[in-house]
Every structure is written in C-alpha cells, then in structure tokens.
Amino acid sequence: MTYVDQVLSWMPEVFKPQKKSFIALLGALMCFTGRATMRNLSRYGAGSEKRLRRWASEDFDFLEFNTRLLSRHQVISQNPQRVCAGSPSQAILIDATFLRKSGAETEGLAYFHNGSSRAINKLERGLEMNLIAIVNLEERSAYALSMHQSVDQSALQVAEGELCLRSEELQEFSRHVVADGYYARAGFISALIDEGFEIVTLLRRDAALRYLYQGDYKGKGRPKLYAGRVDYEDLGSFQRDDHLREDSQVYSKVVNYAAWDRNIKVVIKVDRRGNRRVLCSTDLSLGAEEILNLYESRFQIEFLFRDAKQHTGLGHSQVLDSKGQEHFANSSLTALNLLRLEDRSWALSEGICLRHRVGSIGSLKLRKYNQLLLNRFISTLDDQLTREKVRQVYEQSYETGVLAA
C-alpha cells in the first residue's frame, strides 16, 4: 500500500481519518473471500460496518486518485502535447454494466439492459453503472478511472455529463474516446466534439453514408457537396487493405454521415462469410489500422467488469443510497487496479512481454489471503520471519492453492 499512501498524500482534500479508512477498505477488497458485504469486509481489517457506511457518504475523487496512481506506475503518460499529435498510445473507454440488486428502497433501482442474460427480453430489475476507463494500447490493458450510477438518466446522458465535466483532466491523457454502437448518437457525438474529444465507435451495418463530391465546380449555383449514397455491395472507390487482418478484407474512406452532419473516417471490415462491421472515427487523420486497433481495444473494459464482479466485490455492497453504491463500486475497481498493477510489476521484473501477459486475479487474491492468514498466525505466535525455518514455511504456504498458469 506504499503507492496508495503516496498518492493520497498528493490529495490535500483527503484527511487522515478518511485516508486510513480508504487504505483499510482497499486492503480488505484485495484479499477477502466470499461476498464483499460490509460485515464480511470488517473481518478482513476494513473497519466496522458503521465506519464503512460513514465514509461511503463522504466525497472522494476516484478519477484523480486513479490517474495519479497509474501515472505513478508509468502505465499512462500525462503529456498534453503528445496527446494532440501523432498516433494515440492510450485512449478513454466508456461502457455501462448491469448489477443485480433488490430492495424496495434502493436508490436507482429500475429495469436495465443485461447483456449477459440468456432471456430474449434482456431487461432486468437492478442497477446500472457507467465506467470511464483508460487503455494502454501498447500493452493492451485497461484500468478503471471512475464509475457512476444511472439515476433518472440514461447511460448515454451519464457518460456525456461525466466526460464533459472532466474533459480538461481526461484530455491530458487522451483525446480519443472509444465506445460501442449504443453511444453512436448525434447529440452525444456533438457534445463530446465540442469539448475537444474525438470518438471511435461502431455504426449500423446499413448506415446511410454519402460519398464526398470530388469533381470541379462549374461556376453556377451552390457547389455540389456529395456524390451519392455509399453502396455496401460496391466498395470499389474505397481504399482496400488486405494485409491488416488475416481473416477479413478492410476498406477505408472519408465520407459524410448525414445523421451526424459531419465527415467521418469509415473502416468497413468484411469477413470471409460476407458479414461486415462499419467502424468510424471523427478524427480524419487516423489510419485504418489505428481505428481498428482502437475499437478492438474497447473489449478490455469488459475484462474490468468481469474481474471486478468475480473477485473484488462489484455489486456486493449493501447500501441504499446512490452515493454509497458509487463509492463501493469505485473502491472495488480501484482494488482491481492495484491487483493488476502488482501483476504488471511482477511481469516487468521477470522480463515477460506485457502485451501477451495473461494474469490471474484469482491467484493474486489468494496470495493476499494466504499472506494475511500467515501474518496473523506469526504475530499471534510472537515469531519473526527472520528465522530461516519460519521463512521457508511462509514462502511455501504463501503459494498454496495458486493456479499454475
């Protein structure tokens, strides 16, 4: 927790009692077993239930904390001049996730889309959380920045509000926002572009695109702007790049999208069965490969949702108000960031390529649990790790139950 303590020291608005409580909560979330209820977390050193509820109602800037933490580990770089020029090395990710929840008094409880549901009608009663994350494109790894609940607003409105509110801070790391097709709405796109962002997203496979007119002006009337609608069955005028993806043909071109009333760079990916995906970017300077890499990196945010739900207690909190829900959701994702950073540091020390590194959050948590248990035994026995025999047993027991790969 040394890095956590350092980062908190750079946040003068966080006082000592809140700092101690936050460190204790993160420590418990990184090693607990079972469910991350407040009663269970209190058994792992997080403090009493009353203390956890009290600090969940206080303000804490998770976006500032996580950006400082990631910058301290050199996972992301804070360089506005580099962000404005050249190929992006990191990007902002946004997406929403569904959390199962019950209780008549829970704030924000409603029917939301649950993509993991096997039912035909994927609407389920629960909570919806919206995550802003950042991805390191060279390492292909994402880290959470801040999460916010949908209360009386759609995921689209929540994402727009948070991105516009923190645009100046976020654009110190990246101008490019990557989102799935749900966010490809004219109002959302215009609001983000007005704030200085560029968007990479997915369009409908039959999106009404128009060619730009390239002919000469004849000197009469208004100049012609467009040269007809794009025919997806005839992409002869598009630039073709067969070498970008082995299993697909890739076509790219700058066209006009009437629904957004702006020109965009489109990349059409057609697989061997003829299925196509229409990706686009509002940044016309990006190449086809850069747009493909940016959009494909979007899936890294799904791993954050998966690991946080399975291992760090996302959705387990037993609080009724929205502020408390957001606090515990952000805490679980911050604990996940710390586990990922610990795994990254170990891989760097072993000389393992970070781009192809596959870590196990479950194994990292199990080591933390073993370490907690062994330290309690040793402190109770009033023994020290300086004794060689004790140290050997400690190291063997530390790895108990950890996966081989």
Protein backbone atom coordinates (compact mmCIF):
# COMPACT_ATOMS: atom_id res chain seq x y z
CA MET A 1 0.00 0.00 0.00
CA THR A 2 3.02 2.30 -0.23
CA TYR A 3 1.92 3.74 -3.58
CA VAL A 4 -1.61 4.31 -2.28
CA ASP A 5 -0.24 6.25 0.69
CA GLN A 6 1.92 8.37 -1.62
CA VAL A 7 -0.94 9.16 -3.99
CA LEU A 8 -3.25 10.11 -1.12
CA SER A 9 -0.56 12.46 0.20
CA TRP A 10 -0.87 14.37 -3.11
CA MET A 11 -4.62 14.86 -2.49
CA PRO A 12 -4.85 17.52 0.25
CA GLU A 13 -8.64 17.28 0.41
CA VAL A 14 -8.33 13.74 1.86
CA PHE A 15 -7.80 13.97 5.62
CA LYS A 16 -6.04 11.39 7.77
CA PRO A 17 -9.15 9.52 9.08
CA GLN A 18 -10.56 9.12 5.57
CA LYS A 19 -7.14 8.11 4.28
CA LYS A 20 -6.79 5.36 6.90
CA SER A 21 -10.29 4.07 6.22
CA PHE A 22 -9.76 4.03 2.45
CA ILE A 23 -6.47 2.10 2.71
CA ALA A 24 -8.08 -0.42 5.03
CA LEU A 25 -11.04 -0.90 2.65
CA LEU A 26 -8.76 -1.47 -0.36
CA GLY A 27 -6.67 -3.94 1.63
CA ALA A 28 -9.78 -5.93 2.55
CA LEU A 29 -11.12 -5.91 -1.03
CA MET A 30 -7.83 -7.36 -2.28
CA CYS A 31 -7.91 -10.44 -0.03
CA PHE A 32 -11.46 -11.24 1.18
CA THR A 33 -13.25 -14.50 0.44
CA GLY A 34 -16.99 -14.87 -0.02
CA ARG A 35 -19.03 -11.74 -0.67
CA ALA A 36 -17.85 -8.18 -0.15
CA THR A 37 -20.57 -7.20 2.30
CA MET A 38 -19.63 -4.70 4.97
CA ARG A 39 -19.87 -7.28 7.72
CA ASN A 40 -17.57 -9.65 5.83
CA LEU A 41 -15.06 -6.90 4.93
CA SER A 42 -14.87 -5.89 8.59
CA ARG A 43 -13.44 -9.37 9.30
CA TYR A 44 -10.51 -8.58 6.97
CA GLY A 45 -9.49 -5.34 8.63
CA ALA A 46 -11.70 -2.86 6.75
CA GLY A 47 -13.17 -1.48 9.96
CA SER A 48 -16.66 -1.68 11.43
CA GLU A 49 -19.83 -1.60 9.35
CA LYS A 50 -20.65 1.81 10.82
CA ARG A 51 -17.26 3.17 9.78
CA LEU A 52 -17.62 1.82 6.23
CA ARG A 53 -21.07 3.34 5.82
CA ARG A 54 -19.94 6.69 7.24
CA TRP A 55 -17.02 7.10 4.85
CA ALA A 56 -19.09 5.90 1.88
CA SER A 57 -21.20 9.03 2.28
CA GLU A 58 -18.15 11.34 2.02
CA ASP A 59 -16.82 12.75 -1.25
CA PHE A 60 -13.77 11.09 -2.79
CA ASP A 61 -12.32 11.88 -6.22
CA PHE A 62 -11.65 8.40 -7.66
CA LEU A 63 -10.76 9.76 -11.09
CA GLU A 64 -7.97 11.92 -9.66
CA PHE A 65 -6.74 9.09 -7.44
CA ASN A 66 -6.62 6.52 -10.24
CA THR A 67 -4.98 8.83 -12.78
CA ARG A 68 -2.30 9.74 -10.24
CA LEU A 69 -1.82 6.07 -9.33
CA LEU A 70 -1.48 4.95 -12.96
CA SER A 71 0.84 7.84 -13.79
CA ARG A 72 2.99 6.96 -10.77
CA HIS A 73 3.37 3.41 -12.15
CA GLN A 74 4.07 4.83 -15.65
CA VAL A 75 1.12 2.89 -17.10
CA ILE A 76 -0.25 6.06 -18.68
CA SER A 77 1.56 9.25 -19.61
CA GLN A 78 0.31 12.74 -18.84
CA ASN A 79 1.53 14.81 -21.77
CA PRO A 80 -0.98 17.16 -23.45
CA GLN A 81 1.38 17.98 -26.35
CA ARG A 82 1.89 14.31 -27.20
CA VAL A 83 -1.85 13.68 -26.91
CA CYS A 84 -2.59 16.31 -29.57
CA ALA A 85 -0.19 14.90 -32.17
CA GLY A 86 0.74 11.54 -33.62
CA SER A 87 -0.66 8.06 -33.25
CA PRO A 88 -2.53 7.55 -29.93
CA SER A 89 -0.82 5.32 -27.38
CA GLN A 90 -3.75 5.38 -24.95
CA ALA A 91 -7.48 6.00 -25.17
CA ILE A 92 -10.53 6.65 -22.99
CA LEU A 93 -13.08 3.80 -22.82
CA ILE A 94 -16.71 4.11 -21.76
CA ASP A 95 -19.38 1.47 -21.19
CA ALA A 96 -22.19 0.51 -18.82
CA THR A 97 -22.76 -2.67 -16.84
CA PHE A 98 -25.75 -4.20 -15.08
CA LEU A 99 -25.69 -5.13 -11.38
CA ARG A 100 -28.33 -7.38 -9.86
CA LYS A 101 -29.93 -5.72 -6.87
CA SER A 102 -33.10 -6.00 -4.83
CA GLY A 103 -34.79 -3.91 -2.16
CA ALA A 104 -37.70 -1.54 -2.41
CA GLU A 105 -35.73 1.41 -1.01
CA THR A 106 -32.55 1.08 -3.12
CA GLU A 107 -31.96 4.33 -4.99
CA GLY A 108 -31.78 4.00 -8.77
CA LEU A 109 -33.38 0.54 -8.84
CA ALA A 110 -35.11 0.06 -12.21
CA TYR A 111 -35.18 -2.12 -15.32
CA PHE A 112 -31.97 -2.06 -17.35
CA HIS A 113 -30.44 -3.99 -20.23
CA ASN A 114 -28.45 -7.01 -19.04
CA GLY A 115 -26.25 -8.22 -21.90
CA SER A 116 -25.27 -11.42 -20.08
CA SER A 117 -28.88 -12.57 -19.67
CA ARG A 118 -29.96 -15.60 -21.69
CA ALA A 119 -33.54 -14.39 -21.88
CA ILE A 120 -34.95 -12.97 -25.10
CA ASN A 121 -36.07 -9.87 -23.24
CA LYS A 122 -32.81 -8.76 -21.61
CA LEU A 123 -34.40 -6.14 -19.34
CA GLU A 124 -33.89 -7.00 -15.67
CA ARG A 125 -34.50 -5.20 -12.39
CA GLY A 126 -31.31 -3.93 -10.82
CA LEU A 127 -28.76 -1.11 -11.07
CA GLU A 128 -26.78 0.30 -13.98
CA MET A 129 -23.23 1.57 -13.51
CA ASN A 130 -21.27 3.59 -16.08
CA LEU A 131 -17.49 3.25 -16.20
CA ILE A 132 -14.84 5.59 -17.57
CA ALA A 133 -11.59 3.68 -18.09
CA ILE A 134 -8.29 4.16 -19.88
CA VAL A 135 -6.45 1.64 -22.04
CA ASN A 136 -2.73 1.41 -22.74
CA LEU A 137 -2.71 0.43 -26.42
CA GLU A 138 0.87 -0.83 -26.39
CA GLU A 139 0.21 -3.23 -23.50
CA ARG A 140 -3.48 -3.82 -24.42
CA SER A 141 -4.57 -3.47 -20.80
CA ALA A 142 -7.33 -1.28 -19.34
CA TYR A 143 -7.65 0.33 -15.92
CA ALA A 144 -10.71 1.89 -14.30
CA LEU A 145 -10.86 5.63 -13.63
CA SER A 146 -14.33 6.32 -12.22
CA MET A 147 -17.79 4.77 -12.13
CA HIS A 148 -21.17 6.49 -11.86
CA GLN A 149 -24.70 5.20 -11.40
CA SER A 150 -27.61 5.81 -13.74
CA VAL A 151 -30.24 7.55 -11.60
CA ASP A 152 -33.08 9.22 -13.53
CA GLN A 153 -30.74 9.38 -16.54
CA SER A 154 -29.72 7.01 -19.31
CA ALA A 155 -26.18 5.62 -19.61
CA LEU A 156 -25.73 7.96 -22.57
CA GLN A 157 -26.59 11.04 -20.52
CA VAL A 158 -24.42 9.96 -17.58
CA ALA A 159 -21.40 9.31 -19.83
CA GLU A 160 -21.87 12.63 -21.64
CA GLY A 161 -22.16 14.55 -18.38
CA GLU A 162 -19.09 13.00 -16.77
CA LEU A 163 -16.88 13.24 -19.86
CA CYS A 164 -17.79 16.88 -20.43
CA LEU A 165 -17.40 17.74 -16.75
CA ARG A 166 -13.88 16.21 -16.55
CA SER A 167 -12.83 16.87 -20.16
CA GLU A 168 -9.84 19.04 -19.28
CA GLU A 169 -8.35 16.40 -16.96
CA LEU A 170 -9.08 13.47 -19.28
CA GLN A 171 -7.62 15.16 -22.35
CA GLU A 172 -4.25 15.39 -20.61
CA PHE A 173 -4.13 11.63 -21.26
CA SER A 174 -6.12 11.14 -24.47
CA ARG A 175 -8.49 12.94 -26.84
CA HIS A 176 -9.88 9.69 -28.23
CA VAL A 177 -13.00 8.16 -26.68
CA VAL A 178 -13.84 4.60 -27.73
CA ALA A 179 -17.38 3.32 -27.27
CA ASP A 180 -19.69 0.68 -28.70
CA GLY A 181 -22.59 1.34 -31.08
CA TYR A 182 -25.00 2.35 -28.31
CA TYR A 183 -23.15 5.68 -27.99
CA ALA A 184 -23.25 6.46 -31.74
CA ARG A 185 -25.93 9.16 -31.30
CA ALA A 186 -25.76 12.59 -32.89
CA GLY A 187 -26.30 14.57 -29.68
CA PHE A 188 -23.67 12.60 -27.76
CA ILE A 189 -21.12 12.88 -30.57
CA SER A 190 -21.66 16.64 -31.00
CA ALA A 191 -21.36 17.31 -27.24
CA LEU A 192 -18.05 15.45 -26.98
CA ILE A 193 -16.57 17.03 -30.11
CA ASP A 194 -17.48 20.48 -28.77
CA GLU A 195 -15.42 19.60 -25.67
CA GLY A 196 -12.41 18.63 -27.80
CA PHE A 197 -12.77 14.84 -27.87
CA GLU A 198 -12.59 12.56 -30.90
CA ILE A 199 -14.80 9.45 -30.99
CA VAL A 200 -14.20 5.97 -32.35
CA THR A 201 -17.33 3.84 -32.44
CA LEU A 202 -19.44 1.31 -34.35
CA LEU A 203 -22.20 2.24 -36.81
CA ARG A 204 -25.16 0.26 -38.09
CA ARG A 205 -24.18 -2.11 -40.89
CA ASP A 206 -26.57 -0.19 -43.18
CA ALA A 207 -25.68 3.34 -42.01
CA ALA A 208 -26.61 5.99 -44.61
CA LEU A 209 -23.17 7.25 -45.67
CA ARG A 210 -22.53 9.63 -48.58
CA TYR A 211 -19.51 9.99 -50.84
CA LEU A 212 -17.86 13.39 -50.91
CA TYR A 213 -18.01 15.11 -54.29
CA GLN A 214 -14.54 15.34 -55.85
CA GLY A 215 -15.40 16.96 -59.19
CA ASP A 216 -14.74 20.52 -60.36
CA TYR A 217 -17.08 23.42 -59.61
CA LYS A 218 -18.91 24.54 -62.76
CA GLY A 219 -19.39 28.09 -61.53
CA LYS A 220 -23.20 28.09 -61.23
CA GLY A 221 -25.26 27.75 -58.08
CA ARG A 222 -24.27 26.13 -54.83
CA PRO A 223 -21.20 23.85 -55.08
CA LYS A 224 -22.04 20.17 -55.07
CA LEU A 225 -21.00 18.55 -51.78
CA TYR A 226 -21.95 14.87 -52.12
CA ALA A 227 -21.77 12.26 -54.84
CA GLY A 228 -24.45 9.78 -53.88
CA ARG A 229 -25.03 7.21 -51.18
CA VAL A 230 -22.47 4.51 -50.35
CA ASP A 231 -23.39 1.13 -51.83
CA TYR A 232 -22.01 -1.53 -49.48
CA GLU A 233 -22.08 -4.11 -52.27
CA ASP A 234 -19.71 -2.00 -54.37
CA LEU A 235 -16.77 -0.61 -52.40
CA GLY A 236 -14.50 -0.09 -55.40
CA SER A 237 -13.86 3.56 -54.56
CA PHE A 238 -12.68 2.69 -51.04
CA GLN A 239 -9.05 2.08 -50.20
CA ARG A 240 -8.56 -1.65 -49.69
CA ASP A 241 -6.09 -3.02 -47.11
CA ASP A 242 -5.96 -6.82 -47.21
CA HIS A 243 -2.87 -7.10 -45.01
CA LEU A 244 -4.40 -5.53 -41.88
CA ARG A 245 -6.45 -8.55 -40.79
CA GLU A 246 -5.83 -12.11 -41.97
CA ASP A 247 -9.47 -13.24 -41.84
CA SER A 248 -11.06 -10.08 -43.27
CA GLN A 249 -10.91 -7.52 -46.03
CA VAL A 250 -10.62 -3.94 -44.80
CA TYR A 251 -11.90 -0.89 -46.70
CA SER A 252 -11.48 2.72 -45.59
CA LYS A 253 -12.54 6.16 -46.83
CA VAL A 254 -13.55 9.62 -45.63
CA VAL A 255 -17.30 10.01 -46.21
CA ASN A 256 -20.19 12.09 -44.90
CA TYR A 257 -22.66 10.82 -42.33
CA ALA A 258 -25.92 12.73 -42.65
CA ALA A 259 -27.21 11.66 -39.20
CA TRP A 260 -24.25 13.40 -37.55
CA ASP A 261 -23.99 16.19 -40.15
CA ARG A 262 -20.21 15.76 -40.39
CA ASN A 263 -17.47 13.99 -42.33
CA ILE A 264 -16.02 10.85 -40.72
CA LYS A 265 -13.31 8.29 -41.46
CA VAL A 266 -15.03 4.93 -42.05
CA VAL A 267 -13.41 1.49 -41.87
CA ILE A 268 -15.50 -1.39 -43.21
CA LYS A 269 -14.37 -4.84 -42.15
CA VAL A 270 -15.79 -7.72 -44.25
CA ASP A 271 -15.10 -11.30 -43.12
CA ARG A 272 -14.94 -14.42 -45.29
CA ARG A 273 -18.67 -15.06 -44.94
CA GLY A 274 -19.53 -11.58 -46.15
CA ASN A 275 -20.51 -10.16 -42.74
CA ARG A 276 -19.45 -6.56 -42.31
CA ARG A 277 -18.77 -4.21 -39.43
CA VAL A 278 -18.75 -0.47 -40.01
CA LEU A 279 -16.32 1.34 -37.71
CA CYS A 280 -15.79 5.07 -37.79
CA SER A 281 -13.74 7.88 -36.31
CA THR A 282 -14.41 11.60 -36.13
CA ASP A 283 -10.62 12.09 -36.26
CA LEU A 284 -9.95 12.10 -40.02
CA SER A 285 -6.18 11.89 -39.51
CA LEU A 286 -6.30 8.34 -38.14
CA GLY A 287 -5.37 5.46 -40.43
CA ALA A 288 -7.45 2.32 -40.93
CA GLU A 289 -5.18 0.21 -38.73
CA GLU A 290 -5.27 2.78 -35.92
CA ILE A 291 -9.09 2.83 -35.96
CA LEU A 292 -9.20 -0.97 -35.92
CA ASN A 293 -6.75 -1.15 -33.02
CA LEU A 294 -8.64 1.50 -31.06
CA TYR A 295 -12.02 -0.15 -31.44
CA GLU A 296 -10.69 -3.65 -30.76
CA SER A 297 -9.14 -2.36 -27.54
CA ARG A 298 -12.64 -1.42 -26.35
CA PHE A 299 -13.24 -5.01 -25.24
CA GLN A 300 -10.65 -4.58 -22.49
CA ILE A 301 -13.30 -2.75 -20.46
CA GLU A 302 -15.36 -5.97 -20.38
CA PHE A 303 -12.48 -7.68 -18.53
CA LEU A 304 -12.68 -4.97 -15.88
CA PHE A 305 -16.37 -5.69 -15.35
CA ARG A 306 -15.78 -9.45 -15.25
CA ASP A 307 -12.85 -9.37 -12.82
CA ALA A 308 -14.46 -6.78 -10.53
CA LYS A 309 -17.70 -8.79 -10.28
CA GLN A 310 -15.89 -12.09 -9.72
CA HIS A 311 -13.05 -11.03 -7.46
CA THR A 312 -13.29 -7.55 -5.91
CA GLY A 313 -16.94 -7.35 -4.91
CA LEU A 314 -18.53 -5.14 -7.57
CA GLY A 315 -22.27 -5.21 -6.87
CA HIS A 316 -22.00 -6.77 -3.38
CA SER A 317 -22.42 -3.62 -1.29
CA GLN A 318 -25.44 -3.37 0.98
CA VAL A 319 -26.25 0.33 0.87
CA LEU A 320 -29.41 2.06 -0.27
CA ASP A 321 -28.25 5.48 -1.49
CA SER A 322 -26.64 6.15 -4.86
CA LYS A 323 -23.58 7.86 -3.37
CA GLY A 324 -22.78 4.79 -1.28
CA GLN A 325 -23.31 2.48 -4.26
CA GLU A 326 -20.87 4.54 -6.34
CA HIS A 327 -18.31 4.65 -3.53
CA PHE A 328 -18.16 0.86 -3.11
CA ALA A 329 -18.27 0.25 -6.87
CA ASN A 330 -15.32 2.61 -7.37
CA SER A 331 -13.48 1.05 -4.44
CA SER A 332 -13.83 -2.45 -5.92
CA LEU A 333 -12.48 -1.25 -9.28
CA THR A 334 -9.62 0.62 -7.60
CA ALA A 335 -8.70 -2.57 -5.72
CA LEU A 336 -8.71 -4.35 -9.09
CA ASN A 337 -6.37 -1.67 -10.48
CA LEU A 338 -3.96 -2.33 -7.61
CA LEU A 339 -4.00 -6.08 -8.23
CA ARG A 340 -3.39 -5.53 -11.95
CA LEU A 341 -0.53 -3.13 -11.22
CA GLU A 342 1.03 -5.65 -8.85
CA ASP A 343 0.83 -8.34 -11.55
CA ARG A 344 2.30 -5.88 -14.09
CA SER A 345 5.24 -5.05 -11.80
CA TRP A 346 5.97 -8.75 -11.32
CA ALA A 347 5.87 -9.36 -15.11
CA LEU A 348 8.30 -6.47 -15.70
CA SER A 349 10.70 -7.84 -13.07
CA GLU A 350 10.61 -11.26 -14.80
CA GLY A 351 11.11 -9.78 -18.27
CA ILE A 352 7.71 -11.01 -19.52
CA CYS A 353 6.13 -9.21 -22.50
CA LEU A 354 3.22 -7.17 -21.12
CA ARG A 355 1.24 -7.27 -24.37
CA HIS A 356 0.91 -11.07 -24.18
CA ARG A 357 0.78 -11.37 -20.40
CA VAL A 358 -2.31 -13.19 -19.06
CA GLY A 359 -2.59 -12.72 -15.29
CA SER A 360 -4.94 -14.39 -12.83
CA ILE A 361 -6.71 -12.01 -10.44
CA GLY A 362 -7.97 -15.05 -8.52
CA SER A 363 -4.39 -16.23 -7.86
CA LEU A 364 -3.31 -12.74 -6.80
CA LYS A 365 -6.20 -12.53 -4.33
CA LEU A 366 -5.41 -15.99 -2.97
CA ARG A 367 -1.81 -14.97 -2.32
CA LYS A 368 -3.08 -11.90 -0.48
CA TYR A 369 -5.40 -14.06 1.61
CA ASN A 370 -2.63 -16.56 2.41
CA GLN A 371 -0.34 -13.69 3.35
CA LEU A 372 -2.97 -12.17 5.68
CA LEU A 373 -3.59 -15.51 7.38
CA LEU A 374 0.10 -16.35 7.82
CA ASN A 375 0.90 -12.92 9.23
CA ARG A 376 -1.87 -13.34 11.78
CA PHE A 377 -0.51 -16.74 12.83
CA ILE A 378 3.03 -15.40 13.13
CA SER A 379 2.00 -12.31 15.09
CA THR A 380 -0.06 -14.49 17.46
CA LEU A 381 2.87 -16.86 17.99
CA ASP A 382 5.16 -13.89 18.56
CA ASP A 383 7.60 -15.22 15.97
CA GLN A 384 9.64 -13.47 13.29
CA LEU A 385 10.28 -14.12 9.58
CA THR A 386 13.99 -13.65 10.19
CA ARG A 387 14.24 -17.28 11.27
CA GLU A 388 15.17 -19.37 8.22
CA LYS A 389 12.85 -22.27 9.00
CA VAL A 390 9.86 -19.99 9.52
CA ARG A 391 10.67 -18.06 6.36
CA GLN A 392 10.77 -21.26 4.24
CA VAL A 393 7.41 -22.44 5.56
CA TYR A 394 5.98 -18.97 4.97
CA GLU A 395 7.07 -18.91 1.32
CA GLN A 396 5.69 -22.42 0.67
CA SER A 397 2.35 -21.66 2.32
CA TYR A 398 2.07 -18.31 0.51
CA GLU A 399 1.62 -20.16 -2.81
CA THR A 400 -0.97 -22.66 -1.53
CA GLY A 401 -3.83 -23.07 -3.99
CA VAL A 402 -2.41 -20.69 -6.61
CA LEU A 403 -3.03 -21.68 -10.24
CA ALA A 404 -0.04 -22.99 -12.19
CA ALA A 405 -0.77 -20.77 -15.21
